[in-house]
Amino acid sequence: MTDPRRAPGADLPQWVEHLTTRLGVDPALVDVDRLLELSSGVAHSVARPAVPVSMFVAGLAAAGRSPDEIAALLADVDSAAAAWGAP
């Protein structure tokens, strides 16, 4: 099976490399698998339209933080999303 992140015209690693270079972001700070996992959690626990907004807010909050701080921030977003749908 072909990795959909590398499908013709939709090469996610290439896109991330292009975008991080264009925007002056350290590509080492972009954990694609973690972000996709988090996006899935937000989509299922909150709502699909909440994904891009949540990721944008998390991105704003992540600016200037260390990789460990970013990991903690993403864990916090994940916890908030999981709690949102809980009774």
PDB file of N, CA and C in Angstrom:
ATOM      1  N   MET A   1       0.845  -1.180   0.000  1.00  0.00           N
ATOM      2  CA  MET A   1       0.000   0.000   0.000  1.00  0.00           C
ATOM      3  C   MET A   1       0.893   1.248   0.000  1.00  0.00           C
ATOM      4  N   THR A   2       0.487   2.229  -0.748  1.00  0.00           N
ATOM      5  CA  THR A   2       1.241   3.462  -0.861  1.00  0.00           C
ATOM      6  C   THR A   2       0.889   4.407   0.279  1.00  0.00           C
ATOM      7  N   ASP A   3       1.893   5.058   0.830  1.00  0.00           N
ATOM      8  CA  ASP A   3       1.678   6.039   1.893  1.00  0.00           C
ATOM      9  C   ASP A   3       0.949   7.244   1.301  1.00  0.00           C
ATOM     10  N   PRO A   4      -0.278   7.549   1.743  1.00  0.00           N
ATOM     11  CA  PRO A   4      -1.028   8.671   1.164  1.00  0.00           C
ATOM     12  C   PRO A   4      -0.356  10.023   1.398  1.00  0.00           C
ATOM     13  N   ARG A   5       0.550  10.070   2.365  1.00  0.00           N
ATOM     14  CA  ARG A   5       1.266  11.329   2.600  1.00  0.00           C
ATOM     15  C   ARG A   5       2.292  11.599   1.519  1.00  0.00           C
ATOM     16  N   ARG A   6       2.553  10.599   0.670  1.00  0.00           N
ATOM     17  CA  ARG A   6       3.537  10.745  -0.401  1.00  0.00           C
ATOM     18  C   ARG A   6       2.901  10.535  -1.775  1.00  0.00           C
ATOM     19  N   ALA A   7       1.591  10.644  -1.858  1.00  0.00           N
ATOM     20  CA  ALA A   7       0.903  10.470  -3.132  1.00  0.00           C
ATOM     21  C   ALA A   7       1.334  11.561  -4.113  1.00  0.00           C
ATOM     22  N   PRO A   8       1.324  11.241  -5.411  1.00  0.00           N
ATOM     23  CA  PRO A   8       1.709  12.267  -6.399  1.00  0.00           C
ATOM     24  C   PRO A   8       0.887  13.541  -6.219  1.00  0.00           C
ATOM     25  N   GLY A   9       1.572  14.653  -6.156  1.00  0.00           N
ATOM     26  CA  GLY A   9       0.891  15.937  -5.981  1.00  0.00           C
ATOM     27  C   GLY A   9       0.530  16.248  -4.542  1.00  0.00           C
ATOM     28  N   ALA A  10       0.717  15.285  -3.650  1.00  0.00           N
ATOM     29  CA  ALA A  10       0.333  15.499  -2.251  1.00  0.00           C
ATOM     30  C   ALA A  10       1.422  15.002  -1.313  1.00  0.00           C
ATOM     31  N   ASP A  11       2.671  15.180  -1.681  1.00  0.00           N
ATOM     32  CA  ASP A  11       3.794  14.690  -0.888  1.00  0.00           C
ATOM     33  C   ASP A  11       3.926  15.542   0.370  1.00  0.00           C
ATOM     34  N   LEU A  12       3.385  15.047   1.476  1.00  0.00           N
ATOM     35  CA  LEU A  12       3.354  15.804   2.720  1.00  0.00           C
ATOM     36  C   LEU A  12       4.742  16.179   3.228  1.00  0.00           C
ATOM     37  N   PRO A  13       5.705  15.257   3.264  1.00  0.00           N
ATOM     38  CA  PRO A  13       7.043  15.667   3.705  1.00  0.00           C
ATOM     39  C   PRO A  13       7.642  16.779   2.832  1.00  0.00           C
ATOM     40  N   GLN A  14       7.427  16.681   1.533  1.00  0.00           N
ATOM     41  CA  GLN A  14       7.936  17.721   0.635  1.00  0.00           C
ATOM     42  C   GLN A  14       7.224  19.047   0.897  1.00  0.00           C
ATOM     43  N   TRP A  15       5.908  19.004   1.119  1.00  0.00           N
ATOM     44  CA  TRP A  15       5.135  20.205   1.413  1.00  0.00           C
ATOM     45  C   TRP A  15       5.615  20.846   2.710  1.00  0.00           C
ATOM     46  N   VAL A  16       5.826  20.041   3.747  1.00  0.00           N
ATOM     47  CA  VAL A  16       6.288  20.563   5.034  1.00  0.00           C
ATOM     48  C   VAL A  16       7.659  21.215   4.862  1.00  0.00           C
ATOM     49  N   GLU A  17       8.539  20.570   4.107  1.00  0.00           N
ATOM     50  CA  GLU A  17       9.862  21.152   3.854  1.00  0.00           C
ATOM     51  C   GLU A  17       9.732  22.494   3.124  1.00  0.00           C
ATOM     52  N   HIS A  18       8.879  22.523   2.120  1.00  0.00           N
ATOM     53  CA  HIS A  18       8.656  23.762   1.355  1.00  0.00           C
ATOM     54  C   HIS A  18       8.082  24.860   2.251  1.00  0.00           C
ATOM     55  N   LEU A  19       7.070  24.523   3.022  1.00  0.00           N
ATOM     56  CA  LEU A  19       6.389  25.522   3.849  1.00  0.00           C
ATOM     57  C   LEU A  19       7.264  26.030   4.982  1.00  0.00           C
ATOM     58  N   THR A  20       7.992  25.137   5.634  1.00  0.00           N
ATOM     59  CA  THR A  20       8.861  25.576   6.728  1.00  0.00           C
ATOM     60  C   THR A  20       9.973  26.487   6.202  1.00  0.00           C
ATOM     61  N   THR A  21      10.519  26.154   5.049  1.00  0.00           N
ATOM     62  CA  THR A  21      11.543  27.015   4.440  1.00  0.00           C
ATOM     63  C   THR A  21      10.948  28.374   4.096  1.00  0.00           C
ATOM     64  N   ARG A  22       9.803  28.367   3.483  1.00  0.00           N
ATOM     65  CA  ARG A  22       9.142  29.612   3.065  1.00  0.00           C
ATOM     66  C   ARG A  22       8.801  30.510   4.253  1.00  0.00           C
ATOM     67  N   LEU A  23       8.390  29.896   5.366  1.00  0.00           N
ATOM     68  CA  LEU A  23       7.946  30.672   6.529  1.00  0.00           C
ATOM     69  C   LEU A  23       9.029  30.843   7.587  1.00  0.00           C
ATOM     70  N   GLY A  24      10.196  30.279   7.351  1.00  0.00           N
ATOM     71  CA  GLY A  24      11.298  30.429   8.296  1.00  0.00           C
ATOM     72  C   GLY A  24      11.105  29.673   9.592  1.00  0.00           C
ATOM     73  N   VAL A  25      10.536  28.478   9.491  1.00  0.00           N
ATOM     74  CA  VAL A  25      10.287  27.629  10.663  1.00  0.00           C
ATOM     75  C   VAL A  25      11.262  26.456  10.622  1.00  0.00           C
ATOM     76  N   ASP A  26      11.791  26.094  11.778  1.00  0.00           N
ATOM     77  CA  ASP A  26      12.689  24.945  11.872  1.00  0.00           C
ATOM     78  C   ASP A  26      11.868  23.680  11.601  1.00  0.00           C
ATOM     79  N   PRO A  27      12.168  22.943  10.533  1.00  0.00           N
ATOM     80  CA  PRO A  27      11.390  21.748  10.230  1.00  0.00           C
ATOM     81  C   PRO A  27      11.473  20.678  11.311  1.00  0.00           C
ATOM     82  N   ALA A  28      12.498  20.715  12.139  1.00  0.00           N
ATOM     83  CA  ALA A  28      12.612  19.748  13.233  1.00  0.00           C
ATOM     84  C   ALA A  28      11.503  19.930  14.265  1.00  0.00           C
ATOM     85  N   LEU A  29      10.863  21.083  14.263  1.00  0.00           N
ATOM     86  CA  LEU A  29       9.775  21.339  15.211  1.00  0.00           C
ATOM     87  C   LEU A  29       8.434  20.790  14.723  1.00  0.00           C
ATOM     88  N   VAL A  30       8.397  20.290  13.499  1.00  0.00           N
ATOM     89  CA  VAL A  30       7.145  19.829  12.894  1.00  0.00           C
ATOM     90  C   VAL A  30       7.095  18.306  12.925  1.00  0.00           C
ATOM     91  N   ASP A  31       6.405  17.772  13.918  1.00  0.00           N
ATOM     92  CA  ASP A  31       6.231  16.333  14.061  1.00  0.00           C
ATOM     93  C   ASP A  31       4.924  15.962  13.351  1.00  0.00           C
ATOM     94  N   VAL A  32       5.045  15.624  12.077  1.00  0.00           N
ATOM     95  CA  VAL A  32       3.872  15.384  11.240  1.00  0.00           C
ATOM     96  C   VAL A  32       2.981  14.295  11.827  1.00  0.00           C
ATOM     97  N   ASP A  33       3.562  13.187  12.241  1.00  0.00           N
ATOM     98  CA  ASP A  33       2.742  12.097  12.783  1.00  0.00           C
ATOM     99  C   ASP A  33       1.978  12.541  14.026  1.00  0.00           C
ATOM    100  N   ARG A  34       2.626  13.283  14.901  1.00  0.00           N
ATOM    101  CA  ARG A  34       1.957  13.769  16.123  1.00  0.00           C
ATOM    102  C   ARG A  34       0.845  14.739  15.774  1.00  0.00           C
ATOM    103  N   LEU A  35       1.085  15.617  14.809  1.00  0.00           N
ATOM    104  CA  LEU A  35       0.066  16.589  14.423  1.00  0.00           C
ATOM    105  C   LEU A  35      -1.140  15.912  13.767  1.00  0.00           C
ATOM    106  N   LEU A  36      -0.884  14.887  12.968  1.00  0.00           N
ATOM    107  CA  LEU A  36      -1.993  14.150  12.360  1.00  0.00           C
ATOM    108  C   LEU A  36      -2.799  13.400  13.418  1.00  0.00           C
ATOM    109  N   GLU A  37      -2.095  12.831  14.386  1.00  0.00           N
ATOM    110  CA  GLU A  37      -2.767  12.136  15.498  1.00  0.00           C
ATOM    111  C   GLU A  37      -3.631  13.119  16.295  1.00  0.00           C
ATOM    112  N   LEU A  38      -3.072  14.273  16.590  1.00  0.00           N
ATOM    113  CA  LEU A  38      -3.808  15.284  17.334  1.00  0.00           C
ATOM    114  C   LEU A  38      -5.014  15.771  16.541  1.00  0.00           C
ATOM    115  N   SER A  39      -4.830  15.989  15.247  1.00  0.00           N
ATOM    116  CA  SER A  39      -5.931  16.426  14.394  1.00  0.00           C
ATOM    117  C   SER A  39      -7.078  15.425  14.406  1.00  0.00           C
ATOM    118  N   SER A  40      -6.729  14.152  14.369  1.00  0.00           N
ATOM    119  CA  SER A  40      -7.746  13.104  14.416  1.00  0.00           C
ATOM    120  C   SER A  40      -8.511  13.144  15.735  1.00  0.00           C
ATOM    121  N   GLY A  41      -7.782  13.334  16.837  1.00  0.00           N
ATOM    122  CA  GLY A  41      -8.432  13.412  18.147  1.00  0.00           C
ATOM    123  C   GLY A  41      -9.384  14.591  18.246  1.00  0.00           C
ATOM    124  N   VAL A  42      -8.963  15.733  17.744  1.00  0.00           N
ATOM    125  CA  VAL A  42      -9.839  16.919  17.761  1.00  0.00           C
ATOM    126  C   VAL A  42     -11.062  16.675  16.885  1.00  0.00           C
ATOM    127  N   ALA A  43     -10.850  16.101  15.700  1.00  0.00           N
ATOM    128  CA  ALA A  43     -11.966  15.843  14.784  1.00  0.00           C
ATOM    129  C   ALA A  43     -13.007  14.922  15.409  1.00  0.00           C
ATOM    130  N   HIS A  44     -12.553  13.908  16.125  1.00  0.00           N
ATOM    131  CA  HIS A  44     -13.491  12.948  16.703  1.00  0.00           C
ATOM    132  C   HIS A  44     -14.107  13.402  18.020  1.00  0.00           C
ATOM    133  N   SER A  45     -13.379  14.171  18.799  1.00  0.00           N
ATOM    134  CA  SER A  45     -13.887  14.574  20.110  1.00  0.00           C
ATOM    135  C   SER A  45     -14.605  15.918  20.096  1.00  0.00           C
ATOM    136  N   VAL A  46     -14.222  16.774  19.187  1.00  0.00           N
ATOM    137  CA  VAL A  46     -14.841  18.108  19.132  1.00  0.00           C
ATOM    138  C   VAL A  46     -15.672  18.178  17.858  1.00  0.00           C
ATOM    139  N   ALA A  47     -15.031  18.438  16.726  1.00  0.00           N
ATOM    140  CA  ALA A  47     -15.705  18.485  15.431  1.00  0.00           C
ATOM    141  C   ALA A  47     -14.646  18.661  14.356  1.00  0.00           C
ATOM    142  N   ARG A  48     -14.921  18.168  13.165  1.00  0.00           N
ATOM    143  CA  ARG A  48     -13.953  18.300  12.078  1.00  0.00           C
ATOM    144  C   ARG A  48     -13.572  19.760  11.806  1.00  0.00           C
ATOM    145  N   PRO A  49     -14.539  20.690  11.793  1.00  0.00           N
ATOM    146  CA  PRO A  49     -14.153  22.087  11.548  1.00  0.00           C
ATOM    147  C   PRO A  49     -13.268  22.674  12.649  1.00  0.00           C
ATOM    148  N   ALA A  50     -13.212  22.027  13.799  1.00  0.00           N
ATOM    149  CA  ALA A  50     -12.370  22.518  14.892  1.00  0.00           C
ATOM    150  C   ALA A  50     -10.892  22.220  14.654  1.00  0.00           C
ATOM    151  N   VAL A  51     -10.592  21.313  13.722  1.00  0.00           N
ATOM    152  CA  VAL A  51      -9.198  20.912  13.506  1.00  0.00           C
ATOM    153  C   VAL A  51      -8.328  22.077  13.035  1.00  0.00           C
ATOM    154  N   PRO A  52      -8.635  22.732  11.917  1.00  0.00           N
ATOM    155  CA  PRO A  52      -7.726  23.795  11.479  1.00  0.00           C
ATOM    156  C   PRO A  52      -7.641  24.949  12.471  1.00  0.00           C
ATOM    157  N   VAL A  53      -8.751  25.278  13.094  1.00  0.00           N
ATOM    158  CA  VAL A  53      -8.743  26.371  14.072  1.00  0.00           C
ATOM    159  C   VAL A  53      -7.898  25.988  15.285  1.00  0.00           C
ATOM    160  N   SER A  54      -8.069  24.762  15.769  1.00  0.00           N
ATOM    161  CA  SER A  54      -7.292  24.285  16.921  1.00  0.00           C
ATOM    162  C   SER A  54      -5.807  24.256  16.607  1.00  0.00           C
ATOM    163  N   MET A  55      -5.468  23.786  15.412  1.00  0.00           N
ATOM    164  CA  MET A  55      -4.068  23.703  15.034  1.00  0.00           C
ATOM    165  C   MET A  55      -3.462  25.103  14.866  1.00  0.00           C
ATOM    166  N   PHE A  56      -4.242  26.044  14.376  1.00  0.00           N
ATOM    167  CA  PHE A  56      -3.749  27.413  14.250  1.00  0.00           C
ATOM    168  C   PHE A  56      -3.501  28.018  15.631  1.00  0.00           C
ATOM    169  N   VAL A  57      -4.439  27.838  16.540  1.00  0.00           N
ATOM    170  CA  VAL A  57      -4.271  28.354  17.910  1.00  0.00           C
ATOM    171  C   VAL A  57      -3.054  27.698  18.567  1.00  0.00           C
ATOM    172  N   ALA A  58      -2.909  26.388  18.402  1.00  0.00           N
ATOM    173  CA  ALA A  58      -1.752  25.696  18.967  1.00  0.00           C
ATOM    174  C   ALA A  58      -0.461  26.225  18.351  1.00  0.00           C
ATOM    175  N   GLY A  59      -0.485  26.503  17.060  1.00  0.00           N
ATOM    176  CA  GLY A  59       0.687  27.052  16.394  1.00  0.00           C
ATOM    177  C   GLY A  59       1.066  28.421  16.933  1.00  0.00           C
ATOM    178  N   LEU A  60       0.068  29.247  17.169  1.00  0.00           N
ATOM    179  CA  LEU A  60       0.345  30.558  17.763  1.00  0.00           C
ATOM    180  C   LEU A  60       0.953  30.401  19.151  1.00  0.00           C
ATOM    181  N   ALA A  61       0.401  29.477  19.922  1.00  0.00           N
ATOM    182  CA  ALA A  61       0.904  29.245  21.278  1.00  0.00           C
ATOM    183  C   ALA A  61       2.306  28.640  21.260  1.00  0.00           C
ATOM    184  N   ALA A  62       2.644  27.885  20.220  1.00  0.00           N
ATOM    185  CA  ALA A  62       3.936  27.204  20.141  1.00  0.00           C
ATOM    186  C   ALA A  62       5.078  28.128  19.734  1.00  0.00           C
ATOM    187  N   ALA A  63       4.753  29.274  19.190  1.00  0.00           N
ATOM    188  CA  ALA A  63       5.788  30.182  18.683  1.00  0.00           C
ATOM    189  C   ALA A  63       6.818  30.505  19.760  1.00  0.00           C
ATOM    190  N   GLY A  64       8.081  30.271  19.428  1.00  0.00           N
ATOM    191  CA  GLY A  64       9.170  30.603  20.332  1.00  0.00           C
ATOM    192  C   GLY A  64       9.410  29.620  21.459  1.00  0.00           C
ATOM    193  N   ARG A  65       8.679  28.538  21.483  1.00  0.00           N
ATOM    194  CA  ARG A  65       8.850  27.552  22.554  1.00  0.00           C
ATOM    195  C   ARG A  65       9.824  26.456  22.144  1.00  0.00           C
ATOM    196  N   SER A  66      10.356  25.762  23.128  1.00  0.00           N
ATOM    197  CA  SER A  66      11.284  24.656  22.880  1.00  0.00           C
ATOM    198  C   SER A  66      10.500  23.432  22.408  1.00  0.00           C
ATOM    199  N   PRO A  67      11.193  22.453  21.821  1.00  0.00           N
ATOM    200  CA  PRO A  67      10.503  21.224  21.416  1.00  0.00           C
ATOM    201  C   PRO A  67       9.767  20.531  22.571  1.00  0.00           C
ATOM    202  N   ASP A  68      10.354  20.523  23.756  1.00  0.00           N
ATOM    203  CA  ASP A  68       9.675  19.905  24.908  1.00  0.00           C
ATOM    204  C   ASP A  68       8.424  20.686  25.294  1.00  0.00           C
ATOM    205  N   GLU A  69       8.510  22.004  25.248  1.00  0.00           N
ATOM    206  CA  GLU A  69       7.338  22.837  25.559  1.00  0.00           C
ATOM    207  C   GLU A  69       6.249  22.649  24.511  1.00  0.00           C
ATOM    208  N   ILE A  70       6.641  22.504  23.259  1.00  0.00           N
ATOM    209  CA  ILE A  70       5.658  22.271  22.200  1.00  0.00           C
ATOM    210  C   ILE A  70       4.980  20.921  22.399  1.00  0.00           C
ATOM    211  N   ALA A  71       5.749  19.899  22.753  1.00  0.00           N
ATOM    212  CA  ALA A  71       5.175  18.575  23.014  1.00  0.00           C
ATOM    213  C   ALA A  71       4.160  18.650  24.153  1.00  0.00           C
ATOM    214  N   ALA A  72       4.487  19.388  25.202  1.00  0.00           N
ATOM    215  CA  ALA A  72       3.561  19.543  26.332  1.00  0.00           C
ATOM    216  C   ALA A  72       2.318  20.310  25.910  1.00  0.00           C
ATOM    217  N   LEU A  73       2.497  21.318  25.087  1.00  0.00           N
ATOM    218  CA  LEU A  73       1.364  22.104  24.602  1.00  0.00           C
ATOM    219  C   LEU A  73       0.432  21.225  23.767  1.00  0.00           C
ATOM    220  N   LEU A  74       0.995  20.404  22.889  1.00  0.00           N
ATOM    221  CA  LEU A  74       0.171  19.514  22.069  1.00  0.00           C
ATOM    222  C   LEU A  74      -0.540  18.480  22.932  1.00  0.00           C
ATOM    223  N   ALA A  75       0.122  18.008  23.969  1.00  0.00           N
ATOM    224  CA  ALA A  75      -0.529  17.077  24.896  1.00  0.00           C
ATOM    225  C   ALA A  75      -1.698  17.754  25.597  1.00  0.00           C
ATOM    226  N   ASP A  76      -1.550  19.024  25.917  1.00  0.00           N
ATOM    227  CA  ASP A  76      -2.623  19.775  26.557  1.00  0.00           C
ATOM    228  C   ASP A  76      -3.812  19.941  25.609  1.00  0.00           C
ATOM    229  N   VAL A  77      -3.537  20.229  24.340  1.00  0.00           N
ATOM    230  CA  VAL A  77      -4.618  20.332  23.349  1.00  0.00           C
ATOM    231  C   VAL A  77      -5.318  18.983  23.224  1.00  0.00           C
ATOM    232  N   ASP A  78      -4.545  17.911  23.196  1.00  0.00           N
ATOM    233  CA  ASP A  78      -5.103  16.561  23.103  1.00  0.00           C
ATOM    234  C   ASP A  78      -6.008  16.267  24.298  1.00  0.00           C
ATOM    235  N   SER A  79      -5.557  16.608  25.495  1.00  0.00           N
ATOM    236  CA  SER A  79      -6.359  16.397  26.707  1.00  0.00           C
ATOM    237  C   SER A  79      -7.632  17.228  26.687  1.00  0.00           C
ATOM    238  N   ALA A  80      -7.509  18.471  26.243  1.00  0.00           N
ATOM    239  CA  ALA A  80      -8.683  19.344  26.180  1.00  0.00           C
ATOM    240  C   ALA A  80      -9.711  18.789  25.206  1.00  0.00           C
ATOM    241  N   ALA A  81      -9.245  18.288  24.061  1.00  0.00           N
ATOM    242  CA  ALA A  81     -10.166  17.729  23.075  1.00  0.00           C
ATOM    243  C   ALA A  81     -10.855  16.470  23.619  1.00  0.00           C
ATOM    244  N   ALA A  82     -10.077  15.612  24.251  1.00  0.00           N
ATOM    245  CA  ALA A  82     -10.654  14.376  24.817  1.00  0.00           C
ATOM    246  C   ALA A  82     -11.690  14.688  25.883  1.00  0.00           C
ATOM    247  N   ALA A  83     -11.410  15.683  26.695  1.00  0.00           N
ATOM    248  CA  ALA A  83     -12.347  16.061  27.764  1.00  0.00           C
ATOM    249  C   ALA A  83     -13.592  16.729  27.218  1.00  0.00           C
ATOM    250  N   TRP A  84     -13.460  17.385  26.076  1.00  0.00           N
ATOM    251  CA  TRP A  84     -14.587  18.122  25.493  1.00  0.00           C
ATOM    252  C   TRP A  84     -15.762  17.196  25.208  1.00  0.00           C
ATOM    253  N   GLY A  85     -15.499  16.015  24.680  1.00  0.00           N
ATOM    254  CA  GLY A  85     -16.564  15.099  24.329  1.00  0.00           C
ATOM    255  C   GLY A  85     -16.980  14.184  25.467  1.00  0.00           C
ATOM    256  N   ALA A  86     -16.288  14.244  26.590  1.00  0.00           N
ATOM    257  CA  ALA A  86     -16.615  13.347  27.712  1.00  0.00           C
ATOM    258  C   ALA A  86     -17.876  13.814  28.442  1.00  0.00           C
ATOM    259  N   PRO A  87     -18.664  12.859  28.916  1.00  0.00           N
ATOM    260  CA  PRO A  87     -19.899  13.233  29.644  1.00  0.00           C
ATOM    261  C   PRO A  87     -19.610  13.822  31.004  1.00  0.00           C
TER     262      PRO A  87
END
